[in-house]
């Protein structure tokens, strides 16, 4: 086996690829040029992981290289918080971060609350049309949905929803995030002050301790 195949692009292809797919669709999901995606797909075809026709790409789920790679992901990455965040973009679904995670995104990781290693819900919205596809990917990668321990997705399925972006991350709008925080002001006073300073907002919130002369 060519050692060059052990690289992030191939890993993303193996995570993202569907039973029947296309190079163009894979290229868009993994954020790699069509030419380079085609190159790595051809390499995987040589290993009998994929079969390439003029229009389509077909996955051989029984291939040893594919099965061992998926096993590695399930065993090593399926409890990794960063993997839960980053892998969503490979699914080709409409989603965005919401609730506590919209606060986390808009404060650029500066405010996180009520989460720790043994209980880490990741709050997302997913379009109803993409529900089966999302859940198929989660099953494939052993990612948990709506559980009560460990790392898991806390999912809201909606017919449709608006998506804003902060640093290219799909998220609830800043306006809706602020409204969410104001409804739970005592939990989010520090975050509201951060938002005031970061985005020049005029939210009435007082959290910092006053400095007094002794």
N, C-alpha and C. Protein backbone atom coordinates (compact mmCIF):
# COMPACT_ATOMS: atom_id res chain seq x y z
N UNK A 1 0.84 -1.20 0.00
CA UNK A 1 0.00 0.00 0.00
C UNK A 1 0.88 1.25 0.00
N UNK A 2 0.50 2.25 -0.80
CA UNK A 2 1.22 3.51 -0.86
C UNK A 2 1.03 4.29 0.44
N UNK A 3 2.14 4.64 1.11
CA UNK A 3 2.05 5.36 2.38
C UNK A 3 1.40 6.73 2.22
N UNK A 4 1.44 7.28 0.99
CA UNK A 4 0.81 8.58 0.75
C UNK A 4 -0.70 8.54 0.97
N UNK A 5 -1.27 7.34 0.96
CA UNK A 5 -2.71 7.21 1.19
C UNK A 5 -3.10 7.50 2.63
N UNK A 6 -2.12 7.47 3.53
CA UNK A 6 -2.42 7.77 4.93
C UNK A 6 -2.28 9.28 5.11
N UNK A 7 -3.34 10.00 4.77
CA UNK A 7 -3.32 11.46 4.84
C UNK A 7 -4.73 11.97 5.12
N UNK A 8 -4.86 13.23 5.55
CA UNK A 8 -6.18 13.77 5.92
C UNK A 8 -7.20 13.75 4.78
N UNK A 9 -6.73 13.92 3.52
CA UNK A 9 -7.67 13.95 2.40
C UNK A 9 -8.34 12.60 2.21
N UNK A 10 -7.55 11.54 2.27
CA UNK A 10 -8.11 10.19 2.12
C UNK A 10 -9.04 9.87 3.28
N UNK A 11 -8.64 10.27 4.49
CA UNK A 11 -9.49 10.04 5.65
C UNK A 11 -10.84 10.74 5.48
N UNK A 12 -10.82 11.98 5.00
CA UNK A 12 -12.06 12.71 4.77
C UNK A 12 -12.92 12.05 3.70
N UNK A 13 -12.28 11.54 2.65
CA UNK A 13 -13.03 10.85 1.60
C UNK A 13 -13.72 9.62 2.16
N UNK A 14 -12.99 8.83 2.96
CA UNK A 14 -13.56 7.60 3.50
C UNK A 14 -14.67 7.88 4.50
N UNK A 15 -14.58 8.99 5.22
CA UNK A 15 -15.65 9.38 6.13
C UNK A 15 -16.87 9.84 5.33
N UNK A 16 -16.61 10.65 4.31
CA UNK A 16 -17.69 11.34 3.60
C UNK A 16 -18.40 10.48 2.56
N UNK A 17 -17.69 9.55 1.94
CA UNK A 17 -18.23 8.84 0.78
C UNK A 17 -19.48 8.03 1.13
N UNK A 18 -20.46 8.10 0.23
CA UNK A 18 -21.70 7.34 0.38
C UNK A 18 -21.61 6.06 -0.45
N UNK A 19 -22.59 5.20 -0.28
CA UNK A 19 -22.60 3.94 -1.02
C UNK A 19 -22.54 4.19 -2.52
N UNK A 20 -23.29 5.18 -2.98
CA UNK A 20 -23.22 5.63 -4.37
C UNK A 20 -23.02 7.14 -4.34
N UNK A 21 -22.00 7.63 -5.02
CA UNK A 21 -21.61 9.03 -4.87
C UNK A 21 -21.06 9.54 -6.19
N UNK A 22 -20.48 10.73 -6.16
CA UNK A 22 -19.79 11.29 -7.33
C UNK A 22 -18.57 12.06 -6.85
N UNK A 23 -17.59 12.17 -7.72
CA UNK A 23 -16.37 12.90 -7.35
C UNK A 23 -16.69 14.36 -7.06
N UNK A 24 -17.57 14.95 -7.86
CA UNK A 24 -17.93 16.35 -7.66
C UNK A 24 -18.55 16.57 -6.28
N UNK A 25 -19.46 15.68 -5.86
CA UNK A 25 -20.11 15.81 -4.56
C UNK A 25 -19.10 15.61 -3.42
N UNK A 26 -18.25 14.63 -3.56
CA UNK A 26 -17.23 14.38 -2.53
C UNK A 26 -16.31 15.58 -2.42
N UNK A 27 -15.89 16.12 -3.57
CA UNK A 27 -15.00 17.27 -3.61
C UNK A 27 -15.59 18.46 -2.85
N UNK A 28 -16.87 18.71 -3.05
CA UNK A 28 -17.52 19.83 -2.36
C UNK A 28 -17.60 19.59 -0.85
N UNK A 29 -17.92 18.36 -0.46
CA UNK A 29 -18.06 18.07 0.97
C UNK A 29 -16.75 18.17 1.71
N UNK A 30 -15.66 17.70 1.10
CA UNK A 30 -14.38 17.67 1.82
C UNK A 30 -13.56 18.94 1.59
N UNK A 31 -14.03 19.84 0.72
CA UNK A 31 -13.34 21.09 0.50
C UNK A 31 -12.01 20.95 -0.21
N UNK A 32 -11.94 20.01 -1.17
CA UNK A 32 -10.72 19.77 -1.93
C UNK A 32 -11.04 19.94 -3.42
N UNK A 33 -10.09 20.37 -4.20
CA UNK A 33 -10.34 20.58 -5.62
C UNK A 33 -10.77 19.27 -6.29
N UNK A 34 -11.51 19.41 -7.40
CA UNK A 34 -11.97 18.23 -8.13
C UNK A 34 -10.78 17.36 -8.56
N UNK A 35 -9.71 18.02 -9.06
CA UNK A 35 -8.56 17.27 -9.55
C UNK A 35 -7.90 16.43 -8.49
N UNK A 36 -7.68 17.01 -7.30
CA UNK A 36 -7.04 16.24 -6.23
C UNK A 36 -7.98 15.18 -5.68
N UNK A 37 -9.26 15.49 -5.62
CA UNK A 37 -10.22 14.47 -5.17
C UNK A 37 -10.21 13.28 -6.13
N UNK A 38 -10.21 13.57 -7.42
CA UNK A 38 -10.15 12.52 -8.43
C UNK A 38 -8.88 11.68 -8.25
N UNK A 39 -7.76 12.33 -7.98
CA UNK A 39 -6.50 11.62 -7.79
C UNK A 39 -6.58 10.62 -6.64
N UNK A 40 -7.13 11.06 -5.49
CA UNK A 40 -7.19 10.17 -4.33
C UNK A 40 -8.26 9.09 -4.50
N UNK A 41 -9.32 9.42 -5.21
CA UNK A 41 -10.34 8.41 -5.50
C UNK A 41 -9.74 7.31 -6.38
N UNK A 42 -8.93 7.69 -7.37
CA UNK A 42 -8.27 6.69 -8.22
C UNK A 42 -7.33 5.81 -7.41
N UNK A 43 -6.62 6.40 -6.45
CA UNK A 43 -5.74 5.61 -5.59
C UNK A 43 -6.56 4.60 -4.77
N UNK A 44 -7.70 5.04 -4.28
CA UNK A 44 -8.57 4.15 -3.51
C UNK A 44 -9.22 3.10 -4.40
N UNK A 45 -9.43 3.43 -5.65
CA UNK A 45 -9.93 2.43 -6.60
C UNK A 45 -8.90 1.33 -6.80
N UNK A 46 -7.63 1.70 -6.81
CA UNK A 46 -6.56 0.69 -6.97
C UNK A 46 -6.53 -0.28 -5.80
N UNK A 47 -7.03 0.17 -4.63
CA UNK A 47 -7.10 -0.71 -3.46
C UNK A 47 -8.44 -1.44 -3.38
N UNK A 48 -9.29 -1.21 -4.38
CA UNK A 48 -10.61 -1.83 -4.42
C UNK A 48 -11.54 -1.31 -3.32
N UNK A 49 -11.23 -0.13 -2.79
CA UNK A 49 -12.13 0.51 -1.82
C UNK A 49 -13.29 1.14 -2.56
N UNK A 50 -12.98 1.78 -3.70
CA UNK A 50 -13.98 2.45 -4.51
C UNK A 50 -13.96 1.89 -5.93
N UNK A 51 -15.10 2.00 -6.59
CA UNK A 51 -15.19 1.68 -8.02
C UNK A 51 -15.67 2.93 -8.73
N UNK A 52 -14.95 3.32 -9.74
CA UNK A 52 -15.23 4.58 -10.43
C UNK A 52 -15.74 4.32 -11.83
N UNK A 53 -16.91 4.90 -12.15
CA UNK A 53 -17.42 4.88 -13.51
C UNK A 53 -17.35 6.30 -14.06
N UNK A 54 -17.88 6.51 -15.25
CA UNK A 54 -17.80 7.83 -15.86
C UNK A 54 -18.53 8.88 -15.03
N UNK A 55 -19.62 8.50 -14.36
CA UNK A 55 -20.45 9.44 -13.63
C UNK A 55 -20.44 9.25 -12.11
N UNK A 56 -20.20 8.02 -11.67
CA UNK A 56 -20.42 7.71 -10.26
C UNK A 56 -19.22 7.06 -9.59
N UNK A 57 -19.26 7.11 -8.24
CA UNK A 57 -18.29 6.42 -7.40
C UNK A 57 -19.07 5.46 -6.52
N UNK A 58 -18.63 4.21 -6.46
CA UNK A 58 -19.32 3.20 -5.66
C UNK A 58 -18.38 2.70 -4.57
N UNK A 59 -18.92 2.59 -3.36
CA UNK A 59 -18.13 2.18 -2.20
C UNK A 59 -18.22 0.68 -1.99
N UNK A 60 -17.07 0.05 -1.76
CA UNK A 60 -17.02 -1.36 -1.38
C UNK A 60 -16.86 -1.44 0.14
N UNK A 61 -17.98 -1.58 0.84
CA UNK A 61 -17.95 -1.57 2.31
C UNK A 61 -17.22 -2.76 2.90
N UNK A 62 -17.01 -3.80 2.11
CA UNK A 62 -16.34 -5.01 2.62
C UNK A 62 -14.83 -4.97 2.45
N UNK A 63 -14.31 -3.88 1.91
CA UNK A 63 -12.88 -3.76 1.70
C UNK A 63 -12.15 -3.64 3.04
N UNK A 64 -11.04 -4.36 3.20
CA UNK A 64 -10.32 -4.38 4.48
C UNK A 64 -9.78 -3.01 4.87
N UNK A 65 -9.21 -2.28 3.90
CA UNK A 65 -8.66 -0.97 4.21
C UNK A 65 -9.76 -0.03 4.71
N UNK A 66 -10.91 -0.08 4.05
CA UNK A 66 -12.04 0.75 4.47
C UNK A 66 -12.51 0.35 5.86
N UNK A 67 -12.69 -0.94 6.10
CA UNK A 67 -13.19 -1.41 7.40
C UNK A 67 -12.23 -1.08 8.52
N UNK A 68 -10.94 -1.23 8.27
CA UNK A 68 -9.95 -0.93 9.32
C UNK A 68 -9.88 0.57 9.61
N UNK A 69 -10.04 1.38 8.57
CA UNK A 69 -10.04 2.83 8.77
C UNK A 69 -11.24 3.25 9.59
N UNK A 70 -12.42 2.72 9.26
CA UNK A 70 -13.63 3.04 10.02
C UNK A 70 -13.51 2.54 11.47
N UNK A 71 -12.90 1.38 11.65
CA UNK A 71 -12.71 0.87 13.00
C UNK A 71 -11.82 1.81 13.81
N UNK A 72 -10.76 2.32 13.18
CA UNK A 72 -9.87 3.27 13.85
C UNK A 72 -10.64 4.52 14.27
N UNK A 73 -11.46 5.04 13.37
CA UNK A 73 -12.23 6.25 13.67
C UNK A 73 -13.17 6.00 14.84
N UNK A 74 -13.87 4.88 14.83
CA UNK A 74 -14.81 4.57 15.90
C UNK A 74 -14.09 4.44 17.25
N UNK A 75 -12.93 3.80 17.23
CA UNK A 75 -12.23 3.52 18.49
C UNK A 75 -11.46 4.74 19.02
N UNK A 76 -10.93 5.56 18.12
CA UNK A 76 -10.04 6.63 18.55
C UNK A 76 -10.72 8.00 18.54
N UNK A 77 -11.58 8.25 17.57
CA UNK A 77 -12.11 9.60 17.39
C UNK A 77 -13.56 9.79 17.83
N UNK A 78 -14.29 8.71 18.05
CA UNK A 78 -15.72 8.85 18.32
C UNK A 78 -16.04 9.42 19.70
N UNK A 79 -15.02 9.61 20.55
CA UNK A 79 -15.23 10.28 21.84
C UNK A 79 -14.51 11.62 21.88
N UNK A 80 -14.00 12.05 20.74
CA UNK A 80 -13.23 13.29 20.68
C UNK A 80 -14.16 14.46 20.37
N UNK A 81 -14.18 15.47 21.25
CA UNK A 81 -15.09 16.60 21.08
C UNK A 81 -14.82 17.33 19.77
N UNK A 82 -13.57 17.60 19.46
CA UNK A 82 -13.24 18.33 18.24
C UNK A 82 -13.70 17.59 16.99
N UNK A 83 -13.61 16.27 17.03
CA UNK A 83 -14.06 15.48 15.89
C UNK A 83 -15.56 15.66 15.67
N UNK A 84 -16.34 15.68 16.73
CA UNK A 84 -17.78 15.91 16.61
C UNK A 84 -18.07 17.23 15.92
N UNK A 85 -17.31 18.26 16.28
CA UNK A 85 -17.52 19.57 15.66
C UNK A 85 -17.10 19.57 14.19
N UNK A 86 -15.93 19.03 13.91
CA UNK A 86 -15.34 19.18 12.58
C UNK A 86 -15.94 18.25 11.53
N UNK A 87 -16.42 17.09 11.94
CA UNK A 87 -16.85 16.09 10.97
C UNK A 87 -18.18 16.45 10.30
N UNK A 88 -18.98 17.31 10.92
CA UNK A 88 -20.30 17.64 10.38
C UNK A 88 -20.22 18.19 8.96
N UNK A 89 -19.18 18.94 8.67
CA UNK A 89 -19.06 19.55 7.34
C UNK A 89 -18.88 18.50 6.24
N UNK A 90 -18.52 17.27 6.61
CA UNK A 90 -18.30 16.21 5.62
C UNK A 90 -19.58 15.47 5.26
N UNK A 91 -20.67 15.77 5.94
CA UNK A 91 -21.90 15.00 5.75
C UNK A 91 -22.74 15.49 4.58
N UNK A 92 -22.53 16.73 4.15
CA UNK A 92 -23.34 17.26 3.06
C UNK A 92 -24.77 17.54 3.47
N UNK A 93 -24.98 17.96 4.72
CA UNK A 93 -26.31 18.25 5.23
C UNK A 93 -26.41 19.73 5.60
N UNK A 94 -27.65 20.21 5.75
CA UNK A 94 -27.84 21.56 6.26
C UNK A 94 -27.94 21.48 7.78
N UNK A 95 -27.03 22.19 8.45
CA UNK A 95 -27.01 22.19 9.91
C UNK A 95 -26.47 23.53 10.38
N UNK A 96 -26.67 23.81 11.66
CA UNK A 96 -25.97 24.94 12.28
C UNK A 96 -25.93 24.71 13.78
N UNK A 97 -24.99 25.36 14.43
CA UNK A 97 -24.87 25.28 15.88
C UNK A 97 -25.87 26.23 16.53
N UNK A 98 -26.39 25.82 17.65
CA UNK A 98 -27.44 26.58 18.33
C UNK A 98 -27.24 26.50 19.84
N UNK A 99 -28.10 27.25 20.58
CA UNK A 99 -28.12 27.13 22.03
C UNK A 99 -26.74 27.48 22.61
N UNK A 100 -26.24 26.66 23.54
CA UNK A 100 -24.95 26.92 24.16
C UNK A 100 -23.84 27.00 23.12
N UNK A 101 -23.97 26.21 22.06
CA UNK A 101 -22.91 26.21 21.06
C UNK A 101 -22.91 27.46 20.19
N UNK A 102 -24.05 28.11 20.01
CA UNK A 102 -24.02 29.38 19.29
C UNK A 102 -23.29 30.43 20.12
N UNK A 103 -23.45 30.38 21.44
CA UNK A 103 -22.70 31.27 22.33
C UNK A 103 -21.21 30.95 22.23
N UNK A 104 -20.88 29.68 22.25
CA UNK A 104 -19.49 29.22 22.16
C UNK A 104 -18.85 29.72 20.87
N UNK A 105 -19.59 29.65 19.74
CA UNK A 105 -19.05 30.06 18.44
C UNK A 105 -18.87 31.58 18.38
N UNK A 106 -19.92 32.33 18.78
CA UNK A 106 -19.84 33.79 18.65
C UNK A 106 -18.84 34.41 19.62
N UNK A 107 -18.58 33.74 20.75
CA UNK A 107 -17.53 34.24 21.66
C UNK A 107 -16.16 33.65 21.29
N UNK A 108 -16.13 32.97 20.14
CA UNK A 108 -14.89 32.37 19.61
C UNK A 108 -14.22 31.45 20.63
N UNK A 109 -15.07 30.64 21.27
CA UNK A 109 -14.59 29.68 22.26
C UNK A 109 -14.35 30.29 23.62
N UNK A 110 -14.71 31.56 23.79
CA UNK A 110 -14.42 32.24 25.04
C UNK A 110 -15.37 31.93 26.18
N UNK A 111 -16.54 31.36 25.84
CA UNK A 111 -17.50 31.06 26.92
C UNK A 111 -18.16 29.71 26.68
N UNK A 112 -17.99 28.84 27.64
CA UNK A 112 -18.57 27.50 27.61
C UNK A 112 -19.17 27.24 28.99
N UNK A 113 -20.30 26.55 29.04
CA UNK A 113 -20.98 26.40 30.33
C UNK A 113 -21.68 25.04 30.38
N UNK A 114 -21.72 24.48 31.59
CA UNK A 114 -22.49 23.26 31.88
C UNK A 114 -22.05 22.05 31.07
N UNK A 115 -20.77 22.01 30.72
CA UNK A 115 -20.27 20.85 29.98
C UNK A 115 -18.90 20.46 30.53
N UNK A 116 -18.66 19.15 30.52
CA UNK A 116 -17.38 18.63 30.96
C UNK A 116 -17.16 17.31 30.24
N UNK A 117 -16.04 16.66 30.48
CA UNK A 117 -15.66 15.50 29.68
C UNK A 117 -16.70 14.39 29.69
N UNK A 118 -17.32 14.13 30.82
CA UNK A 118 -18.28 13.02 30.91
C UNK A 118 -19.70 13.41 30.51
N UNK A 119 -19.89 14.70 30.24
CA UNK A 119 -21.22 15.15 29.77
C UNK A 119 -21.01 16.36 28.88
N UNK A 120 -20.98 16.10 27.57
CA UNK A 120 -20.67 17.18 26.63
C UNK A 120 -21.65 17.15 25.45
N UNK A 121 -22.86 17.70 25.64
CA UNK A 121 -23.79 17.81 24.52
C UNK A 121 -23.34 18.89 23.54
N UNK A 122 -23.49 18.62 22.26
CA UNK A 122 -23.20 19.60 21.21
C UNK A 122 -24.52 19.93 20.54
N UNK A 123 -24.96 21.17 20.66
CA UNK A 123 -26.29 21.57 20.25
C UNK A 123 -26.31 22.00 18.79
N UNK A 124 -27.09 21.29 17.98
CA UNK A 124 -27.18 21.61 16.55
C UNK A 124 -28.63 21.53 16.06
N UNK A 125 -28.88 22.27 15.00
CA UNK A 125 -30.11 22.13 14.23
C UNK A 125 -29.77 21.37 12.95
N UNK A 126 -30.66 20.48 12.55
CA UNK A 126 -30.48 19.73 11.30
C UNK A 126 -31.80 19.80 10.52
N UNK A 127 -31.70 20.02 9.23
CA UNK A 127 -32.90 20.07 8.41
C UNK A 127 -33.57 18.71 8.36
N UNK A 128 -34.89 18.69 8.52
CA UNK A 128 -35.64 17.43 8.56
C UNK A 128 -35.34 16.55 7.36
N UNK A 129 -35.20 17.17 6.20
CA UNK A 129 -34.92 16.41 4.98
C UNK A 129 -33.62 15.61 5.10
N UNK A 130 -32.68 16.08 5.91
CA UNK A 130 -31.37 15.44 6.05
C UNK A 130 -31.28 14.52 7.27
N UNK A 131 -32.40 14.30 7.95
CA UNK A 131 -32.38 13.52 9.19
C UNK A 131 -31.80 12.12 8.98
N UNK A 132 -32.29 11.39 7.99
CA UNK A 132 -31.82 10.01 7.77
C UNK A 132 -30.34 10.00 7.40
N UNK A 133 -29.94 10.94 6.56
CA UNK A 133 -28.53 11.00 6.14
C UNK A 133 -27.63 11.30 7.33
N UNK A 134 -28.03 12.27 8.14
CA UNK A 134 -27.26 12.61 9.34
C UNK A 134 -27.13 11.41 10.27
N UNK A 135 -28.22 10.73 10.51
CA UNK A 135 -28.20 9.59 11.43
C UNK A 135 -27.42 8.41 10.85
N UNK A 136 -27.43 8.25 9.53
CA UNK A 136 -26.63 7.20 8.89
C UNK A 136 -25.14 7.46 9.10
N UNK A 137 -24.72 8.70 8.94
CA UNK A 137 -23.31 9.04 9.17
C UNK A 137 -22.94 8.81 10.63
N UNK A 138 -23.82 9.21 11.54
CA UNK A 138 -23.52 9.01 12.97
C UNK A 138 -23.39 7.53 13.31
N UNK A 139 -24.24 6.71 12.71
CA UNK A 139 -24.15 5.27 12.93
C UNK A 139 -22.85 4.72 12.35
N UNK A 140 -22.50 5.17 11.17
CA UNK A 140 -21.27 4.73 10.50
C UNK A 140 -20.03 5.04 11.33
N UNK A 141 -20.04 6.20 12.00
CA UNK A 141 -18.86 6.67 12.73
C UNK A 141 -18.97 6.46 14.24
N UNK A 142 -20.08 5.87 14.69
CA UNK A 142 -20.32 5.62 16.11
C UNK A 142 -20.39 6.92 16.91
N UNK A 143 -21.06 7.92 16.34
CA UNK A 143 -21.26 9.19 17.01
C UNK A 143 -22.63 9.17 17.68
N UNK A 144 -22.70 9.63 18.91
CA UNK A 144 -23.93 9.50 19.70
C UNK A 144 -24.87 10.68 19.46
N UNK A 145 -26.18 10.37 19.55
CA UNK A 145 -27.22 11.38 19.37
C UNK A 145 -28.15 11.34 20.57
N UNK A 146 -28.41 12.51 21.16
CA UNK A 146 -29.41 12.68 22.22
C UNK A 146 -29.24 11.67 23.37
N UNK A 147 -28.01 11.54 23.84
CA UNK A 147 -27.73 10.68 24.98
C UNK A 147 -27.63 11.53 26.24
N UNK A 148 -27.19 10.92 27.34
CA UNK A 148 -27.08 11.65 28.61
C UNK A 148 -25.70 11.56 29.24
N UNK A 149 -24.74 11.04 28.48
CA UNK A 149 -23.38 11.01 29.01
C UNK A 149 -22.38 10.99 27.86
N UNK A 150 -21.15 11.36 28.19
CA UNK A 150 -20.11 11.42 27.19
C UNK A 150 -20.35 12.58 26.22
N UNK A 151 -19.71 12.48 25.05
CA UNK A 151 -19.91 13.47 23.99
C UNK A 151 -21.06 12.98 23.11
N UNK A 152 -21.97 13.89 22.78
CA UNK A 152 -23.10 13.50 21.92
C UNK A 152 -23.72 14.75 21.30
N UNK A 153 -24.45 14.55 20.21
CA UNK A 153 -25.20 15.62 19.59
C UNK A 153 -26.57 15.74 20.25
N UNK A 154 -26.93 16.95 20.63
CA UNK A 154 -28.30 17.26 21.04
C UNK A 154 -28.94 17.93 19.84
N UNK A 155 -29.82 17.21 19.14
CA UNK A 155 -30.28 17.63 17.82
C UNK A 155 -31.71 18.15 17.86
N UNK A 156 -31.92 19.24 17.14
CA UNK A 156 -33.27 19.74 16.85
C UNK A 156 -33.47 19.60 15.35
N UNK A 157 -34.48 18.82 14.94
CA UNK A 157 -34.81 18.68 13.52
C UNK A 157 -35.89 19.69 13.16
N UNK A 158 -35.63 20.49 12.13
CA UNK A 158 -36.56 21.53 11.71
C UNK A 158 -36.79 21.45 10.21
N UNK A 159 -37.98 21.86 9.79
CA UNK A 159 -38.29 21.87 8.35
C UNK A 159 -37.29 22.74 7.61
N UNK A 160 -36.97 23.90 8.19
CA UNK A 160 -35.93 24.76 7.62
C UNK A 160 -35.55 25.81 8.67
N UNK A 161 -34.45 26.48 8.45
CA UNK A 161 -33.97 27.49 9.38
C UNK A 161 -32.92 28.35 8.69
N UNK A 162 -32.74 29.57 9.20
CA UNK A 162 -31.72 30.46 8.68
C UNK A 162 -30.37 30.09 9.29
N UNK A 163 -29.34 30.27 8.51
CA UNK A 163 -27.98 29.97 8.97
C UNK A 163 -27.11 31.21 8.79
N UNK A 164 -26.44 31.62 9.86
CA UNK A 164 -25.42 32.66 9.78
C UNK A 164 -24.06 31.99 9.86
N UNK A 165 -23.00 32.77 9.69
CA UNK A 165 -21.65 32.21 9.77
C UNK A 165 -20.76 33.11 10.61
N UNK A 166 -19.96 32.49 11.44
CA UNK A 166 -18.94 33.19 12.22
C UNK A 166 -17.64 32.42 11.99
N UNK A 167 -16.68 33.07 11.38
CA UNK A 167 -15.42 32.39 11.01
C UNK A 167 -15.70 31.14 10.18
N UNK A 168 -16.66 31.25 9.25
CA UNK A 168 -17.05 30.16 8.34
C UNK A 168 -17.73 28.98 9.04
N UNK A 169 -18.15 29.17 10.28
CA UNK A 169 -18.86 28.12 11.02
C UNK A 169 -20.35 28.41 10.95
N UNK A 170 -21.18 27.45 10.51
CA UNK A 170 -22.63 27.67 10.46
C UNK A 170 -23.23 27.74 11.85
N UNK A 171 -23.98 28.79 12.13
CA UNK A 171 -24.44 29.04 13.49
C UNK A 171 -25.70 29.90 13.45
N UNK A 172 -26.49 29.86 14.53
CA UNK A 172 -27.59 30.81 14.68
C UNK A 172 -27.06 32.24 14.54
N UNK A 173 -27.93 33.14 14.12
CA UNK A 173 -27.51 34.54 13.97
C UNK A 173 -27.07 35.10 15.32
N UNK A 174 -26.26 36.13 15.27
CA UNK A 174 -25.83 36.80 16.50
C UNK A 174 -27.04 37.36 17.24
N UNK A 175 -28.01 37.90 16.51
CA UNK A 175 -29.23 38.43 17.12
C UNK A 175 -29.96 37.35 17.91
N UNK A 176 -30.17 36.18 17.27
CA UNK A 176 -30.88 35.09 17.96
C UNK A 176 -30.07 34.54 19.13
N UNK A 177 -28.76 34.55 18.99
CA UNK A 177 -27.91 34.08 20.08
C UNK A 177 -28.00 35.01 21.28
N UNK A 178 -28.03 36.30 21.02
CA UNK A 178 -28.18 37.27 22.10
C UNK A 178 -29.54 37.10 22.78
N UNK A 179 -30.59 36.89 21.99
CA UNK A 179 -31.93 36.66 22.57
C UNK A 179 -31.93 35.43 23.47
N UNK A 180 -31.26 34.37 23.01
CA UNK A 180 -31.16 33.15 23.83
C UNK A 180 -30.46 33.44 25.15
N UNK A 181 -29.39 34.20 25.10
CA UNK A 181 -28.65 34.52 26.32
C UNK A 181 -29.46 35.40 27.26
N UNK A 182 -30.20 36.35 26.70
CA UNK A 182 -31.01 37.25 27.54
C UNK A 182 -32.13 36.50 28.26
N UNK A 183 -32.64 35.43 27.64
CA UNK A 183 -33.66 34.62 28.30
C UNK A 183 -33.06 33.82 29.47
N UNK A 184 -31.76 33.66 29.45
CA UNK A 184 -31.06 32.92 30.51
C UNK A 184 -29.92 33.79 31.04
N UNK A 185 -30.25 35.05 31.35
CA UNK A 185 -29.25 36.08 31.60
C UNK A 185 -28.26 35.72 32.70
N UNK A 186 -28.75 35.10 33.77
CA UNK A 186 -27.86 34.83 34.90
C UNK A 186 -26.79 33.80 34.56
N UNK A 187 -27.07 32.95 33.59
CA UNK A 187 -26.06 31.98 33.15
C UNK A 187 -25.08 32.59 32.15
N UNK A 188 -25.50 33.66 31.48
CA UNK A 188 -24.71 34.15 30.36
C UNK A 188 -24.25 35.61 30.50
N UNK A 189 -24.30 36.14 31.71
CA UNK A 189 -23.83 37.51 31.90
C UNK A 189 -22.40 37.73 31.42
N UNK A 190 -21.46 36.83 31.75
CA UNK A 190 -20.09 37.03 31.24
C UNK A 190 -20.04 37.00 29.72
N UNK A 191 -20.80 36.09 29.10
CA UNK A 191 -20.80 35.98 27.64
C UNK A 191 -21.41 37.22 27.00
N UNK A 192 -22.46 37.76 27.60
CA UNK A 192 -23.08 38.99 27.08
C UNK A 192 -22.10 40.15 27.11
N UNK A 193 -21.31 40.21 28.15
CA UNK A 193 -20.30 41.27 28.21
C UNK A 193 -19.23 41.07 27.14
N UNK A 194 -18.85 39.82 26.90
CA UNK A 194 -17.91 39.54 25.82
C UNK A 194 -18.47 39.99 24.47
N UNK A 195 -19.76 39.67 24.23
CA UNK A 195 -20.41 40.05 22.97
C UNK A 195 -20.43 41.57 22.84
N UNK A 196 -20.73 42.26 23.93
CA UNK A 196 -20.71 43.73 23.91
C UNK A 196 -19.37 44.26 23.40
N UNK A 197 -18.31 43.70 23.94
CA UNK A 197 -16.97 44.18 23.62
C UNK A 197 -16.52 43.73 22.23
N UNK A 198 -16.86 42.50 21.84
CA UNK A 198 -16.38 41.95 20.57
C UNK A 198 -17.11 42.54 19.37
N UNK A 199 -18.42 42.82 19.53
CA UNK A 199 -19.23 43.24 18.39
C UNK A 199 -19.83 44.63 18.57
N UNK A 200 -19.32 45.37 19.54
CA UNK A 200 -19.75 46.74 19.78
C UNK A 200 -21.28 46.84 19.95
N UNK A 201 -21.83 45.92 20.73
CA UNK A 201 -23.26 45.94 21.03
C UNK A 201 -23.52 46.81 22.26
N UNK A 202 -24.77 47.12 22.47
CA UNK A 202 -25.16 47.97 23.60
C UNK A 202 -26.14 47.23 24.51
N UNK A 203 -25.81 46.00 24.84
CA UNK A 203 -26.67 45.19 25.69
C UNK A 203 -26.48 45.65 27.13
N UNK A 204 -27.57 45.86 27.83
CA UNK A 204 -27.49 46.29 29.23
C UNK A 204 -27.18 45.09 30.11
N UNK A 205 -25.93 44.98 30.47
CA UNK A 205 -25.51 43.88 31.33
C UNK A 205 -24.33 44.36 32.15
N UNK A 206 -24.32 43.97 33.42
CA UNK A 206 -23.24 44.38 34.31
C UNK A 206 -22.74 43.15 35.04
N UNK A 207 -21.55 42.70 34.65
CA UNK A 207 -21.01 41.49 35.29
C UNK A 207 -19.70 41.75 36.01
N UNK A 208 -18.82 42.55 35.39
CA UNK A 208 -17.50 42.76 35.99
C UNK A 208 -17.62 43.38 37.36
N UNK A 209 -16.82 42.90 38.29
CA UNK A 209 -16.84 43.45 39.64
C UNK A 209 -16.30 44.87 39.62
N UNK A 210 -16.98 45.75 40.31
CA UNK A 210 -16.53 47.14 40.38
C UNK A 210 -15.25 47.22 41.21
N UNK A 211 -14.33 48.06 40.77
CA UNK A 211 -13.08 48.26 41.50
C UNK A 211 -13.29 49.38 42.51
N UNK A 212 -13.06 49.07 43.75
CA UNK A 212 -13.28 50.07 44.80
C UNK A 212 -11.97 50.36 45.52
N UNK A 213 -11.85 51.55 46.02
CA UNK A 213 -10.66 51.91 46.80
C UNK A 213 -10.87 51.51 48.24
N UNK A 214 -9.87 50.89 48.80
CA UNK A 214 -9.96 50.45 50.20
C UNK A 214 -9.33 51.50 51.08
